[in-house]
Every structure is written in structure tokens, then in C-alpha cells.
Amino acid sequence: MYINTKELAKRTGATFRQIDYWCLKDVISPVGESCPGSGIKREFDESIISRVQLLAKLSKAFHNSLHKNEQKKIYEAYDAGFIDLGDGIILSWTDLKNINCRIQTHNDILDMLGDE
């Protein structure tokens, strides 16, 4: 089933602008064209909801400072449940329903998001 940008934002906590940016930067892909033009609504497969929810939560936790390449890697690594960002930093998400994210570095774990 397909949903529009407004519904994707509502169900994930992402803003319309974040979703638009992620489409323009090829981080997420709508059904059909990424940039269909003014006045033509994007549609998304419902299967990306959890991935976009993860991106939205991480964007908030990192104060929107994640580079598009990091966002793309996180989106693609969603099913694995973790991503190595280098320099001893491993980002993992353990509960895919609530998406709790942790940064692990040198045996110290910092809970970035807590329970929401």
C-alpha cells in the first residue's frame, strides 16, 4: 500500500522538509520519480515507515548534523540493526518497534534517545 508525504511524516515523526530533503538527496526513494515536479505528490511504500522513523529519530538526536552519506548508510543498514561509523563508533538500534539507538565507543554506551 502507498502513502503520501503528509502521512509518512505523521507516522514517522519526520518533517515534510526532512522527507523532501531525503528524496532530493536520494536517501529515501518514493514510488516513481524522486523529484516529480511541482504539484505532483510523492507516494511511498509503507514498508519504509520504520526506516524513516529511524532517520527522523537520529536526525533529532544528532541535531540534524548527520551527513546525507551517513543517512543513506543508516537507511540501508536498517535490517542489520547496526552501522559502524568509524573511529570506534558503532550505532545500533535494538528494538525495531520503538527504535532505541545507542552509540558505543570504547565499551562506554551512551543512550542517545532514551525511551520515548
PDB file of N, CA and C in Angstrom:
ATOM      1  N   MET A   1       0.837  -1.171   0.000  1.00  0.00           N
ATOM      2  CA  MET A   1       0.000   0.000   0.000  1.00  0.00           C
ATOM      3  C   MET A   1       0.890   1.245   0.000  1.00  0.00           C
ATOM      4  N   TYR A   2       0.440   2.284  -0.640  1.00  0.00           N
ATOM      5  CA  TYR A   2       1.206   3.520  -0.741  1.00  0.00           C
ATOM      6  C   TYR A   2       0.618   4.615   0.144  1.00  0.00           C
ATOM      7  N   ILE A   3       1.511   5.471   0.653  1.00  0.00           N
ATOM      8  CA  ILE A   3       1.092   6.620   1.452  1.00  0.00           C
ATOM      9  C   ILE A   3       1.764   7.870   0.898  1.00  0.00           C
ATOM     10  N   ASN A   4       1.165   9.028   1.151  1.00  0.00           N
ATOM     11  CA  ASN A   4       1.751  10.273   0.654  1.00  0.00           C
ATOM     12  C   ASN A   4       2.726  10.854   1.685  1.00  0.00           C
ATOM     13  N   THR A   5       3.368  11.957   1.342  1.00  0.00           N
ATOM     14  CA  THR A   5       4.373  12.573   2.202  1.00  0.00           C
ATOM     15  C   THR A   5       3.784  12.995   3.543  1.00  0.00           C
ATOM     16  N   LYS A   6       2.607  13.558   3.519  1.00  0.00           N
ATOM     17  CA  LYS A   6       1.963  14.009   4.757  1.00  0.00           C
ATOM     18  C   LYS A   6       1.746  12.841   5.713  1.00  0.00           C
ATOM     19  N   GLU A   7       1.261  11.731   5.198  1.00  0.00           N
ATOM     20  CA  GLU A   7       1.016  10.552   6.021  1.00  0.00           C
ATOM     21  C   GLU A   7       2.335   9.952   6.506  1.00  0.00           C
ATOM     22  N   LEU A   8       3.358   9.934   5.661  1.00  0.00           N
ATOM     23  CA  LEU A   8       4.674   9.420   6.066  1.00  0.00           C
ATOM     24  C   LEU A   8       5.223  10.263   7.214  1.00  0.00           C
ATOM     25  N   ALA A   9       5.094  11.571   7.118  1.00  0.00           N
ATOM     26  CA  ALA A   9       5.563  12.464   8.183  1.00  0.00           C
ATOM     27  C   ALA A   9       4.800  12.197   9.477  1.00  0.00           C
ATOM     28  N   LYS A  10       3.505  12.062   9.375  1.00  0.00           N
ATOM     29  CA  LYS A  10       2.660  11.827  10.545  1.00  0.00           C
ATOM     30  C   LYS A  10       3.033  10.521  11.246  1.00  0.00           C
ATOM     31  N   ARG A  11       3.309   9.489  10.477  1.00  0.00           N
ATOM     32  CA  ARG A  11       3.562   8.161  11.051  1.00  0.00           C
ATOM     33  C   ARG A  11       5.001   7.949  11.506  1.00  0.00           C
ATOM     34  N   THR A  12       5.917   8.845  11.114  1.00  0.00           N
ATOM     35  CA  THR A  12       7.331   8.647  11.450  1.00  0.00           C
ATOM     36  C   THR A  12       7.921   9.720  12.360  1.00  0.00           C
ATOM     37  N   GLY A  13       7.274  10.866  12.455  1.00  0.00           N
ATOM     38  CA  GLY A  13       7.844  11.957  13.224  1.00  0.00           C
ATOM     39  C   GLY A  13       8.800  12.820  12.423  1.00  0.00           C
ATOM     40  N   ALA A  14       9.003  12.486  11.161  1.00  0.00           N
ATOM     41  CA  ALA A  14       9.836  13.304  10.278  1.00  0.00           C
ATOM     42  C   ALA A  14       9.026  14.516   9.822  1.00  0.00           C
ATOM     43  N   THR A  15       9.714  15.579   9.478  1.00  0.00           N
ATOM     44  CA  THR A  15       9.013  16.745   8.937  1.00  0.00           C
ATOM     45  C   THR A  15       8.889  16.602   7.424  1.00  0.00           C
ATOM     46  N   PHE A  16       7.976  17.375   6.859  1.00  0.00           N
ATOM     47  CA  PHE A  16       7.828  17.383   5.407  1.00  0.00           C
ATOM     48  C   PHE A  16       9.150  17.769   4.744  1.00  0.00           C
ATOM     49  N   ARG A  17       9.827  18.775   5.313  1.00  0.00           N
ATOM     50  CA  ARG A  17      11.110  19.233   4.743  1.00  0.00           C
ATOM     51  C   ARG A  17      12.185  18.152   4.809  1.00  0.00           C
ATOM     52  N   GLN A  18      12.216  17.384   5.914  1.00  0.00           N
ATOM     53  CA  GLN A  18      13.192  16.292   6.004  1.00  0.00           C
ATOM     54  C   GLN A  18      12.931  15.259   4.913  1.00  0.00           C
ATOM     55  N   ILE A  19      11.688  14.883   4.757  1.00  0.00           N
ATOM     56  CA  ILE A  19      11.347  13.880   3.740  1.00  0.00           C
ATOM     57  C   ILE A  19      11.697  14.402   2.351  1.00  0.00           C
ATOM     58  N   ASP A  20      11.385  15.659   2.084  1.00  0.00           N
ATOM     59  CA  ASP A  20      11.722  16.269   0.800  1.00  0.00           C
ATOM     60  C   ASP A  20      13.234  16.250   0.578  1.00  0.00           C
ATOM     61  N   TYR A  21      13.998  16.628   1.598  1.00  0.00           N
ATOM     62  CA  TYR A  21      15.467  16.636   1.504  1.00  0.00           C
ATOM     63  C   TYR A  21      15.991  15.230   1.236  1.00  0.00           C
ATOM     64  N   TRP A  22      15.496  14.243   1.995  1.00  0.00           N
ATOM     65  CA  TRP A  22      15.965  12.870   1.815  1.00  0.00           C
ATOM     66  C   TRP A  22      15.648  12.346   0.414  1.00  0.00           C
ATOM     67  N   CYS A  23      14.526  12.767  -0.146  1.00  0.00           N
ATOM     68  CA  CYS A  23      14.209  12.368  -1.524  1.00  0.00           C
ATOM     69  C   CYS A  23      15.151  13.050  -2.517  1.00  0.00           C
ATOM     70  N   LEU A  24      15.362  14.344  -2.340  1.00  0.00           N
ATOM     71  CA  LEU A  24      16.232  15.101  -3.250  1.00  0.00           C
ATOM     72  C   LEU A  24      17.672  14.602  -3.206  1.00  0.00           C
ATOM     73  N   LYS A  25      18.116  14.153  -2.026  1.00  0.00           N
ATOM     74  CA  LYS A  25      19.491  13.661  -1.853  1.00  0.00           C
ATOM     75  C   LYS A  25      19.596  12.158  -2.052  1.00  0.00           C
ATOM     76  N   ASP A  26      18.501  11.531  -2.472  1.00  0.00           N
ATOM     77  CA  ASP A  26      18.465  10.099  -2.781  1.00  0.00           C
ATOM     78  C   ASP A  26      18.752   9.215  -1.568  1.00  0.00           C
ATOM     79  N   VAL A  27      18.360   9.690  -0.384  1.00  0.00           N
ATOM     80  CA  VAL A  27      18.480   8.882   0.823  1.00  0.00           C
ATOM     81  C   VAL A  27      17.314   7.901   0.886  1.00  0.00           C
ATOM     82  N   ILE A  28      16.107   8.393   0.615  1.00  0.00           N
ATOM     83  CA  ILE A  28      14.927   7.533   0.520  1.00  0.00           C
ATOM     84  C   ILE A  28      14.347   7.668  -0.879  1.00  0.00           C
ATOM     85  N   SER A  29      13.600   6.670  -1.270  1.00  0.00           N
ATOM     86  CA  SER A  29      13.047   6.670  -2.628  1.00  0.00           C
ATOM     87  C   SER A  29      11.537   6.502  -2.614  1.00  0.00           C
ATOM     88  N   PRO A  30      10.841   7.473  -3.166  1.00  0.00           N
ATOM     89  CA  PRO A  30       9.391   7.296  -3.325  1.00  0.00           C
ATOM     90  C   PRO A  30       9.111   6.347  -4.484  1.00  0.00           C
ATOM     91  N   VAL A  31       7.870   5.953  -4.611  1.00  0.00           N
ATOM     92  CA  VAL A  31       7.456   5.151  -5.756  1.00  0.00           C
ATOM     93  C   VAL A  31       7.464   6.081  -6.963  1.00  0.00           C
ATOM     94  N   GLY A  32       8.069   5.680  -8.053  1.00  0.00           N
ATOM     95  CA  GLY A  32       8.145   6.542  -9.233  1.00  0.00           C
ATOM     96  C   GLY A  32       9.332   7.484  -9.155  1.00  0.00           C
ATOM     97  N   GLU A  33       9.165   8.704  -9.633  1.00  0.00           N
ATOM     98  CA  GLU A  33      10.250   9.674  -9.682  1.00  0.00           C
ATOM     99  C   GLU A  33      10.526  10.295  -8.316  1.00  0.00           C
ATOM    100  N   SER A  34      11.816  10.557  -8.013  1.00  0.00           N
ATOM    101  CA  SER A  34      12.191  11.202  -6.753  1.00  0.00           C
ATOM    102  C   SER A  34      11.778  12.664  -6.737  1.00  0.00           C
ATOM    103  N   CYS A  35      11.867  13.310  -7.874  1.00  0.00           N
ATOM    104  CA  CYS A  35      11.532  14.739  -7.995  1.00  0.00           C
ATOM    105  C   CYS A  35      10.508  14.899  -9.111  1.00  0.00           C
ATOM    106  N   PRO A  36       9.246  14.548  -8.831  1.00  0.00           N
ATOM    107  CA  PRO A  36       8.247  14.538  -9.897  1.00  0.00           C
ATOM    108  C   PRO A  36       7.837  15.918 -10.405  1.00  0.00           C
ATOM    109  N   GLY A  37       8.214  16.968  -9.692  1.00  0.00           N
ATOM    110  CA  GLY A  37       7.842  18.312 -10.128  1.00  0.00           C
ATOM    111  C   GLY A  37       6.798  18.927  -9.226  1.00  0.00           C
ATOM    112  N   SER A  38       6.638  20.195  -9.367  1.00  0.00           N
ATOM    113  CA  SER A  38       5.705  20.948  -8.530  1.00  0.00           C
ATOM    114  C   SER A  38       4.273  20.491  -8.758  1.00  0.00           C
ATOM    115  N   GLY A  39       3.555  20.311  -7.662  1.00  0.00           N
ATOM    116  CA  GLY A  39       2.150  19.951  -7.759  1.00  0.00           C
ATOM    117  C   GLY A  39       1.877  18.466  -7.910  1.00  0.00           C
ATOM    118  N   ILE A  40       2.908  17.657  -8.062  1.00  0.00           N
ATOM    119  CA  ILE A  40       2.731  16.208  -8.192  1.00  0.00           C
ATOM    120  C   ILE A  40       3.195  15.572  -6.884  1.00  0.00           C
ATOM    121  N   LYS A  41       2.302  14.902  -6.208  1.00  0.00           N
ATOM    122  CA  LYS A  41       2.602  14.340  -4.899  1.00  0.00           C
ATOM    123  C   LYS A  41       3.434  13.067  -5.006  1.00  0.00           C
ATOM    124  N   ARG A  42       4.376  12.949  -4.078  1.00  0.00           N
ATOM    125  CA  ARG A  42       5.150  11.708  -3.976  1.00  0.00           C
ATOM    126  C   ARG A  42       4.339  10.681  -3.206  1.00  0.00           C
ATOM    127  N   GLU A  43       4.538   9.422  -3.558  1.00  0.00           N
ATOM    128  CA  GLU A  43       3.949   8.325  -2.813  1.00  0.00           C
ATOM    129  C   GLU A  43       5.064   7.387  -2.386  1.00  0.00           C
ATOM    130  N   PHE A  44       4.885   6.792  -1.204  1.00  0.00           N
ATOM    131  CA  PHE A  44       5.898   5.911  -0.636  1.00  0.00           C
ATOM    132  C   PHE A  44       5.269   4.582  -0.269  1.00  0.00           C
ATOM    133  N   ASP A  45       6.049   3.532  -0.406  1.00  0.00           N
ATOM    134  CA  ASP A  45       5.612   2.221   0.040  1.00  0.00           C
ATOM    135  C   ASP A  45       5.615   2.218   1.569  1.00  0.00           C
ATOM    136  N   GLU A  46       4.597   1.665   2.178  1.00  0.00           N
ATOM    137  CA  GLU A  46       4.513   1.623   3.638  1.00  0.00           C
ATOM    138  C   GLU A  46       5.692   0.894   4.281  1.00  0.00           C
ATOM    139  N   SER A  47       6.372   0.060   3.523  1.00  0.00           N
ATOM    140  CA  SER A  47       7.481  -0.724   4.075  1.00  0.00           C
ATOM    141  C   SER A  47       8.653   0.139   4.540  1.00  0.00           C
ATOM    142  N   ILE A  48       8.700   1.416   4.152  1.00  0.00           N
ATOM    143  CA  ILE A  48       9.827   2.266   4.568  1.00  0.00           C
ATOM    144  C   ILE A  48       9.539   3.039   5.857  1.00  0.00           C
ATOM    145  N   ILE A  49       8.374   2.869   6.442  1.00  0.00           N
ATOM    146  CA  ILE A  49       7.999   3.645   7.626  1.00  0.00           C
ATOM    147  C   ILE A  49       9.026   3.498   8.755  1.00  0.00           C
ATOM    148  N   SER A  50       9.413   2.291   9.100  1.00  0.00           N
ATOM    149  CA  SER A  50      10.364   2.090  10.200  1.00  0.00           C
ATOM    150  C   SER A  50      11.722   2.695   9.883  1.00  0.00           C
ATOM    151  N   ARG A  51      12.149   2.596   8.638  1.00  0.00           N
ATOM    152  CA  ARG A  51      13.444   3.174   8.247  1.00  0.00           C
ATOM    153  C   ARG A  51      13.412   4.704   8.371  1.00  0.00           C
ATOM    154  N   VAL A  52      12.330   5.306   7.933  1.00  0.00           N
ATOM    155  CA  VAL A  52      12.209   6.767   8.010  1.00  0.00           C
ATOM    156  C   VAL A  52      12.061   7.200   9.473  1.00  0.00           C
ATOM    157  N   GLN A  53      11.383   6.396  10.262  1.00  0.00           N
ATOM    158  CA  GLN A  53      11.266   6.690  11.696  1.00  0.00           C
ATOM    159  C   GLN A  53      12.656   6.696  12.338  1.00  0.00           C
ATOM    160  N   LEU A  54      13.490   5.743  11.975  1.00  0.00           N
ATOM    161  CA  LEU A  54      14.861   5.707  12.488  1.00  0.00           C
ATOM    162  C   LEU A  54      15.626   6.958  12.066  1.00  0.00           C
ATOM    163  N   LEU A  55      15.542   7.323  10.788  1.00  0.00           N
ATOM    164  CA  LEU A  55      16.224   8.535  10.314  1.00  0.00           C
ATOM    165  C   LEU A  55      15.749   9.777  11.052  1.00  0.00           C
ATOM    166  N   ALA A  56      14.441   9.880  11.285  1.00  0.00           N
ATOM    167  CA  ALA A  56      13.892  11.048  11.981  1.00  0.00           C
ATOM    168  C   ALA A  56      14.405  11.130  13.416  1.00  0.00           C
ATOM    169  N   LYS A  57      14.423   9.994  14.120  1.00  0.00           N
ATOM    170  CA  LYS A  57      14.905   9.983  15.499  1.00  0.00           C
ATOM    171  C   LYS A  57      16.395  10.296  15.572  1.00  0.00           C
ATOM    172  N   LEU A  58      17.167   9.749  14.660  1.00  0.00           N
ATOM    173  CA  LEU A  58      18.605  10.031  14.657  1.00  0.00           C
ATOM    174  C   LEU A  58      18.882  11.475  14.284  1.00  0.00           C
ATOM    175  N   SER A  59      18.128  12.001  13.361  1.00  0.00           N
ATOM    176  CA  SER A  59      18.299  13.407  12.987  1.00  0.00           C
ATOM    177  C   SER A  59      18.060  14.301  14.195  1.00  0.00           C
ATOM    178  N   LYS A  60      17.029  13.967  14.958  1.00  0.00           N
ATOM    179  CA  LYS A  60      16.722  14.741  16.161  1.00  0.00           C
ATOM    180  C   LYS A  60      17.839  14.589  17.196  1.00  0.00           C
ATOM    181  N   ALA A  61      18.302  13.360  17.409  1.00  0.00           N
ATOM    182  CA  ALA A  61      19.346  13.098  18.402  1.00  0.00           C
ATOM    183  C   ALA A  61      20.657  13.792  18.046  1.00  0.00           C
ATOM    184  N   PHE A  62      20.953  13.868  16.765  1.00  0.00           N
ATOM    185  CA  PHE A  62      22.203  14.481  16.303  1.00  0.00           C
ATOM    186  C   PHE A  62      21.995  15.927  15.856  1.00  0.00           C
ATOM    187  N   HIS A  63      20.864  16.513  16.210  1.00  0.00           N
ATOM    188  CA  HIS A  63      20.562  17.915  15.889  1.00  0.00           C
ATOM    189  C   HIS A  63      20.736  18.209  14.394  1.00  0.00           C
ATOM    190  N   ASN A  64      20.244  17.287  13.575  1.00  0.00           N
ATOM    191  CA  ASN A  64      20.276  17.408  12.110  1.00  0.00           C
ATOM    192  C   ASN A  64      21.686  17.575  11.541  1.00  0.00           C
ATOM    193  N   SER A  65      22.690  17.010  12.228  1.00  0.00           N
ATOM    194  CA  SER A  65      24.064  17.169  11.753  1.00  0.00           C
ATOM    195  C   SER A  65      24.592  15.956  10.988  1.00  0.00           C
ATOM    196  N   LEU A  66      23.770  14.918  10.809  1.00  0.00           N
ATOM    197  CA  LEU A  66      24.228  13.751  10.041  1.00  0.00           C
ATOM    198  C   LEU A  66      24.316  14.105   8.565  1.00  0.00           C
ATOM    199  N   HIS A  67      25.427  13.746   7.953  1.00  0.00           N
ATOM    200  CA  HIS A  67      25.635  13.982   6.527  1.00  0.00           C
ATOM    201  C   HIS A  67      24.742  13.036   5.730  1.00  0.00           C
ATOM    202  N   LYS A  68      24.381  13.441   4.526  1.00  0.00           N
ATOM    203  CA  LYS A  68      23.483  12.611   3.699  1.00  0.00           C
ATOM    204  C   LYS A  68      24.062  11.231   3.450  1.00  0.00           C
ATOM    205  N   ASN A  69      25.400  11.116   3.343  1.00  0.00           N
ATOM    206  CA  ASN A  69      26.008   9.797   3.133  1.00  0.00           C
ATOM    207  C   ASN A  69      25.811   8.901   4.354  1.00  0.00           C
ATOM    208  N   GLU A  70      25.918   9.476   5.553  1.00  0.00           N
ATOM    209  CA  GLU A  70      25.666   8.713   6.771  1.00  0.00           C
ATOM    210  C   GLU A  70      24.200   8.309   6.844  1.00  0.00           C
ATOM    211  N   GLN A  71      23.306   9.224   6.474  1.00  0.00           N
ATOM    212  CA  GLN A  71      21.879   8.922   6.490  1.00  0.00           C
ATOM    213  C   GLN A  71      21.566   7.780   5.536  1.00  0.00           C
ATOM    214  N   LYS A  72      22.156   7.803   4.369  1.00  0.00           N
ATOM    215  CA  LYS A  72      21.932   6.753   3.371  1.00  0.00           C
ATOM    216  C   LYS A  72      22.426   5.404   3.897  1.00  0.00           C
ATOM    217  N   LYS A  73      23.619   5.393   4.534  1.00  0.00           N
ATOM    218  CA  LYS A  73      24.164   4.153   5.086  1.00  0.00           C
ATOM    219  C   LYS A  73      23.272   3.599   6.194  1.00  0.00           C
ATOM    220  N   ILE A  74      22.761   4.478   7.048  1.00  0.00           N
ATOM    221  CA  ILE A  74      21.866   4.054   8.126  1.00  0.00           C
ATOM    222  C   ILE A  74      20.587   3.466   7.540  1.00  0.00           C
ATOM    223  N   TYR A  75      20.028   4.136   6.543  1.00  0.00           N
ATOM    224  CA  TYR A  75      18.802   3.654   5.893  1.00  0.00           C
ATOM    225  C   TYR A  75      19.026   2.254   5.307  1.00  0.00           C
ATOM    226  N   GLU A  76      20.167   2.075   4.639  1.00  0.00           N
ATOM    227  CA  GLU A  76      20.456   0.793   4.001  1.00  0.00           C
ATOM    228  C   GLU A  76      20.804  -0.301   5.012  1.00  0.00           C
ATOM    229  N   ALA A  77      21.338   0.068   6.184  1.00  0.00           N
ATOM    230  CA  ALA A  77      21.749  -0.908   7.193  1.00  0.00           C
ATOM    231  C   ALA A  77      20.628  -1.217   8.183  1.00  0.00           C
ATOM    232  N   TYR A  78      19.448  -0.693   7.947  1.00  0.00           N
ATOM    233  CA  TYR A  78      18.343  -0.837   8.891  1.00  0.00           C
ATOM    234  C   TYR A  78      18.118  -2.281   9.328  1.00  0.00           C
ATOM    235  N   ASP A  79      18.053  -3.214   8.395  1.00  0.00           N
ATOM    236  CA  ASP A  79      17.759  -4.609   8.727  1.00  0.00           C
ATOM    237  C   ASP A  79      18.858  -5.255   9.557  1.00  0.00           C
ATOM    238  N   ALA A  80      20.104  -4.799   9.391  1.00  0.00           N
ATOM    239  CA  ALA A  80      21.214  -5.356  10.157  1.00  0.00           C
ATOM    240  C   ALA A  80      21.141  -4.933  11.627  1.00  0.00           C
ATOM    241  N   GLY A  81      20.553  -3.774  11.908  1.00  0.00           N
ATOM    242  CA  GLY A  81      20.411  -3.308  13.277  1.00  0.00           C
ATOM    243  C   GLY A  81      21.590  -2.532  13.817  1.00  0.00           C
ATOM    244  N   PHE A  82      22.599  -2.314  12.995  1.00  0.00           N
ATOM    245  CA  PHE A  82      23.746  -1.523  13.446  1.00  0.00           C
ATOM    246  C   PHE A  82      24.514  -0.993  12.243  1.00  0.00           C
ATOM    247  N   ILE A  83      25.346   0.008  12.509  1.00  0.00           N
ATOM    248  CA  ILE A  83      26.244   0.524  11.489  1.00  0.00           C
ATOM    249  C   ILE A  83      27.514   1.017  12.173  1.00  0.00           C
ATOM    250  N   ASP A  84      28.658   0.710  11.567  1.00  0.00           N
ATOM    251  CA  ASP A  84      29.948   1.179  12.065  1.00  0.00           C
ATOM    252  C   ASP A  84      30.244   2.507  11.387  1.00  0.00           C
ATOM    253  N   LEU A  85      30.263   3.592  12.178  1.00  0.00           N
ATOM    254  CA  LEU A  85      30.521   4.924  11.629  1.00  0.00           C
ATOM    255  C   LEU A  85      32.005   5.262  11.621  1.00  0.00           C
ATOM    256  N   GLY A  86      32.850   4.330  12.057  1.00  0.00           N
ATOM    257  CA  GLY A  86      34.292   4.564  12.102  1.00  0.00           C
ATOM    258  C   GLY A  86      34.716   5.185  13.419  1.00  0.00           C
ATOM    259  N   ASP A  87      36.016   5.258  13.629  1.00  0.00           N
ATOM    260  CA  ASP A  87      36.591   5.833  14.853  1.00  0.00           C
ATOM    261  C   ASP A  87      36.027   5.185  16.113  1.00  0.00           C
ATOM    262  N   GLY A  88      35.734   3.889  16.048  1.00  0.00           N
ATOM    263  CA  GLY A  88      35.239   3.168  17.216  1.00  0.00           C
ATOM    264  C   GLY A  88      33.794   3.438  17.571  1.00  0.00           C
ATOM    265  N   ILE A  89      33.069   4.084  16.693  1.00  0.00           N
ATOM    266  CA  ILE A  89      31.671   4.414  16.982  1.00  0.00           C
ATOM    267  C   ILE A  89      30.766   3.447  16.224  1.00  0.00           C
ATOM    268  N   ILE A  90      29.980   2.718  16.992  1.00  0.00           N
ATOM    269  CA  ILE A  90      29.004   1.794  16.404  1.00  0.00           C
ATOM    270  C   ILE A  90      27.629   2.251  16.846  1.00  0.00           C
ATOM    271  N   LEU A  91      26.798   2.509  15.890  1.00  0.00           N
ATOM    272  CA  LEU A  91      25.430   2.932  16.153  1.00  0.00           C
ATOM    273  C   LEU A  91      24.543   1.707  15.971  1.00  0.00           C
ATOM    274  N   SER A  92      23.748   1.403  16.997  1.00  0.00           N
ATOM    275  CA  SER A  92      22.878   0.233  16.893  1.00  0.00           C
ATOM    276  C   SER A  92      21.474   0.575  17.370  1.00  0.00           C
ATOM    277  N   TRP A  93      20.525  -0.130  16.816  1.00  0.00           N
ATOM    278  CA  TRP A  93      19.131   0.006  17.229  1.00  0.00           C
ATOM    279  C   TRP A  93      18.653  -1.389  17.559  1.00  0.00           C
ATOM    280  N   THR A  94      18.176  -1.558  18.781  1.00  0.00           N
ATOM    281  CA  THR A  94      17.883  -2.901  19.258  1.00  0.00           C
ATOM    282  C   THR A  94      16.406  -3.261  19.210  1.00  0.00           C
ATOM    283  N   ASP A  95      15.541  -2.316  19.409  1.00  0.00           N
ATOM    284  CA  ASP A  95      14.110  -2.584  19.412  1.00  0.00           C
ATOM    285  C   ASP A  95      13.518  -1.892  18.193  1.00  0.00           C
ATOM    286  N   LEU A  96      13.218  -2.663  17.182  1.00  0.00           N
ATOM    287  CA  LEU A  96      12.780  -2.069  15.923  1.00  0.00           C
ATOM    288  C   LEU A  96      11.379  -1.462  16.002  1.00  0.00           C
ATOM    289  N   LYS A  97      10.617  -1.795  17.029  1.00  0.00           N
ATOM    290  CA  LYS A  97       9.302  -1.181  17.158  1.00  0.00           C
ATOM    291  C   LYS A  97       9.423   0.225  17.747  1.00  0.00           C
ATOM    292  N   ASN A  98      10.190   0.356  18.814  1.00  0.00           N
ATOM    293  CA  ASN A  98      10.358   1.645  19.465  1.00  0.00           C
ATOM    294  C   ASN A  98      11.625   2.373  19.027  1.00  0.00           C
ATOM    295  N   ILE A  99      12.508   1.690  18.392  1.00  0.00           N
ATOM    296  CA  ILE A  99      13.769   2.212  17.876  1.00  0.00           C
ATOM    297  C   ILE A  99      14.550   2.984  18.939  1.00  0.00           C
ATOM    298  N   ASN A 100      15.224   2.231  19.771  1.00  0.00           N
ATOM    299  CA  ASN A 100      16.141   2.806  20.749  1.00  0.00           C
ATOM    300  C   ASN A 100      17.531   2.745  20.137  1.00  0.00           C
ATOM    301  N   CYS A 101      18.205   3.854  20.103  1.00  0.00           N
ATOM    302  CA  CYS A 101      19.509   3.909  19.460  1.00  0.00           C
ATOM    303  C   CYS A 101      20.597   4.160  20.491  1.00  0.00           C
ATOM    304  N   ARG A 102      21.712   3.513  20.289  1.00  0.00           N
ATOM    305  CA  ARG A 102      22.838   3.673  21.200  1.00  0.00           C
ATOM    306  C   ARG A 102      24.109   3.912  20.391  1.00  0.00           C
ATOM    307  N   ILE A 103      24.983   4.682  20.983  1.00  0.00           N
ATOM    308  CA  ILE A 103      26.309   4.850  20.401  1.00  0.00           C
ATOM    309  C   ILE A 103      27.275   4.156  21.329  1.00  0.00           C
ATOM    310  N   GLN A 104      28.063   3.253  20.795  1.00  0.00           N
ATOM    311  CA  GLN A 104      29.032   2.518  21.588  1.00  0.00           C
ATOM    312  C   GLN A 104      30.431   2.952  21.177  1.00  0.00           C
ATOM    313  N   THR A 105      31.215   3.324  22.155  1.00  0.00           N
ATOM    314  CA  THR A 105      32.597   3.669  21.865  1.00  0.00           C
ATOM    315  C   THR A 105      33.450   3.270  23.067  1.00  0.00           C
ATOM    316  N   HIS A 106      34.459   2.489  22.847  1.00  0.00           N
ATOM    317  CA  HIS A 106      35.398   2.045  23.888  1.00  0.00           C
ATOM    318  C   HIS A 106      34.677   1.519  25.131  1.00  0.00           C
ATOM    319  N   ASN A 107      33.754   0.591  24.930  1.00  0.00           N
ATOM    320  CA  ASN A 107      32.998  -0.069  25.991  1.00  0.00           C
ATOM    321  C   ASN A 107      32.053   0.841  26.769  1.00  0.00           C
ATOM    322  N   ASP A 108      31.968   2.103  26.407  1.00  0.00           N
ATOM    323  CA  ASP A 108      31.011   3.005  27.047  1.00  0.00           C
ATOM    324  C   ASP A 108      29.786   3.082  26.153  1.00  0.00           C
ATOM    325  N   ILE A 109      28.617   2.999  26.757  1.00  0.00           N
ATOM    326  CA  ILE A 109      27.382   3.098  25.975  1.00  0.00           C
ATOM    327  C   ILE A 109      26.627   4.330  26.438  1.00  0.00           C
ATOM    328  N   LEU A 110      26.348   5.176  25.498  1.00  0.00           N
ATOM    329  CA  LEU A 110      25.579   6.375  25.767  1.00  0.00           C
ATOM    330  C   LEU A 110      24.217   6.230  25.112  1.00  0.00           C
ATOM    331  N   ASP A 111      23.195   6.235  25.902  1.00  0.00           N
ATOM    332  CA  ASP A 111      21.847   6.115  25.357  1.00  0.00           C
ATOM    333  C   ASP A 111      21.457   7.477  24.796  1.00  0.00           C
ATOM    334  N   MET A 112      21.372   7.564  23.471  1.00  0.00           N
ATOM    335  CA  MET A 112      21.126   8.841  22.791  1.00  0.00           C
ATOM    336  C   MET A 112      19.663   9.278  22.849  1.00  0.00           C
ATOM    337  N   LEU A 113      18.755   8.345  22.847  1.00  0.00           N
ATOM    338  CA  LEU A 113      17.350   8.728  22.711  1.00  0.00           C
ATOM    339  C   LEU A 113      16.505   8.404  23.920  1.00  0.00           C
ATOM    340  N   GLY A 114      16.882   7.418  24.672  1.00  0.00           N
ATOM    341  CA  GLY A 114      16.062   7.030  25.806  1.00  0.00           C
ATOM    342  C   GLY A 114      14.750   6.426  25.363  1.00  0.00           C
ATOM    343  N   ASP A 115      13.903   6.193  26.297  1.00  0.00           N
ATOM    344  CA  ASP A 115      12.580   5.633  25.980  1.00  0.00           C
ATOM    345  C   ASP A 115      11.632   6.764  25.661  1.00  0.00           C
ATOM    346  N   GLU A 116      11.004   6.682  24.520  1.00  0.00           N
ATOM    347  CA  GLU A 116      10.032   7.705  24.109  1.00  0.00           C
ATOM    348  C   GLU A 116       8.666   7.107  24.080  1.00  0.00           C
TER     349      GLU A 116
END
